[in-house]
Amino acid sequence: MAVDPNQIISELVDSWCDRRELRPLSLVLPAWVGNNGLTDGWSQLHDDLKHAYVIYTELPAIERNKIKQAFVAIDYFLQNR
């Protein structure tokens, strides 16, 4: 996996915590922290990132791009297991 989704999500979570962006945090954080490393865990994280990308259009463009990078990397990983 060329892009490390965990690193991207870590940066996003740090930024969201600093700004108290509770809505995207409440969607992504449980799936990220609860990821069991198996296909179902990665799939849940992928889906929640994708939902965050669609729902939270008010986030800065750079953060939305990072969200997209993360779920695309996870999708690639899942399809090439």
Protein backbone atom coordinates (compact mmCIF):
# COMPACT_ATOMS: atom_id res chain seq x y z
CA MET A 1 0.00 0.00 0.00
CA ALA A 2 1.80 3.15 -1.19
CA VAL A 3 -0.38 5.49 0.87
CA ASP A 4 -0.69 4.68 4.57
CA PRO A 5 -4.34 5.34 5.46
CA ASN A 6 -3.56 5.12 9.19
CA GLN A 7 -1.09 8.01 8.91
CA ILE A 8 -3.60 10.10 6.96
CA ILE A 9 -6.38 9.37 9.44
CA SER A 10 -4.09 10.15 12.37
CA GLU A 11 -3.37 13.58 10.90
CA LEU A 12 -7.07 14.19 10.24
CA VAL A 13 -8.07 13.13 13.76
CA ASP A 14 -5.43 15.43 15.26
CA SER A 15 -6.70 18.36 13.21
CA TRP A 16 -10.33 17.64 14.00
CA CYS A 17 -9.59 17.32 17.72
CA ASP A 18 -7.74 20.64 17.71
CA ARG A 19 -10.71 22.35 16.03
CA ARG A 20 -13.34 20.29 17.87
CA GLU A 21 -14.83 19.00 14.63
CA LEU A 22 -17.03 16.56 16.51
CA ARG A 23 -19.25 15.41 13.66
CA PRO A 24 -16.58 13.92 11.37
CA LEU A 25 -14.75 12.63 14.45
CA SER A 26 -17.87 10.84 15.65
CA LEU A 27 -18.15 9.06 12.30
CA VAL A 28 -14.54 8.10 11.57
CA LEU A 29 -12.99 7.61 15.00
CA PRO A 30 -14.99 4.51 16.09
CA ALA A 31 -14.21 2.68 12.84
CA TRP A 32 -10.53 3.65 12.99
CA VAL A 33 -10.00 2.75 16.64
CA GLY A 34 -12.14 -0.39 16.32
CA ASN A 35 -10.46 -1.65 13.15
CA ASN A 36 -9.61 -5.28 13.85
CA GLY A 37 -7.23 -5.50 10.87
CA LEU A 38 -9.44 -7.99 9.07
CA THR A 39 -11.41 -7.36 5.90
CA ASP A 40 -14.57 -6.39 7.79
CA GLY A 41 -12.71 -3.83 9.90
CA TRP A 42 -11.03 -2.24 6.89
CA SER A 43 -14.32 -2.29 4.99
CA GLN A 44 -16.14 -0.47 7.81
CA LEU A 45 -13.38 2.15 7.98
CA HIS A 46 -13.52 2.56 4.18
CA ASP A 47 -17.30 3.06 4.26
CA ASP A 48 -17.18 5.55 7.13
CA LEU A 49 -14.44 7.58 5.45
CA LYS A 50 -16.44 7.63 2.24
CA HIS A 51 -19.53 8.81 4.13
CA ALA A 52 -17.51 11.54 5.84
CA TYR A 53 -16.26 12.69 2.45
CA VAL A 54 -19.80 12.93 1.09
CA ILE A 55 -21.50 14.36 4.17
CA TYR A 56 -19.00 16.91 5.52
CA THR A 57 -18.49 19.14 2.50
CA GLU A 58 -17.71 22.08 4.78
CA LEU A 59 -14.34 20.59 5.73
CA PRO A 60 -11.30 22.25 4.14
CA ALA A 61 -10.51 20.95 0.66
CA ILE A 62 -7.13 19.59 1.77
CA GLU A 63 -8.82 17.48 4.46
CA ARG A 64 -11.46 16.22 2.05
CA ASN A 65 -8.65 15.21 -0.31
CA LYS A 66 -6.91 13.35 2.53
CA ILE A 67 -10.15 11.53 3.36
CA LYS A 68 -10.44 10.51 -0.28
CA GLN A 69 -6.81 9.37 -0.39
CA ALA A 70 -7.40 7.19 2.65
CA PHE A 71 -10.54 5.46 1.40
CA VAL A 72 -9.07 4.95 -2.08
CA ALA A 73 -5.95 3.37 -0.52
CA ILE A 74 -8.13 1.08 1.60
CA ASP A 75 -10.24 0.16 -1.44
CA TYR A 76 -7.09 -0.72 -3.38
CA PHE A 77 -5.82 -2.79 -0.45
CA LEU A 78 -9.12 -4.67 -0.12
CA GLN A 79 -9.33 -5.46 -3.82
CA ASN A 80 -5.73 -6.67 -4.01
CA ARG A 81 -5.60 -8.90 -0.94
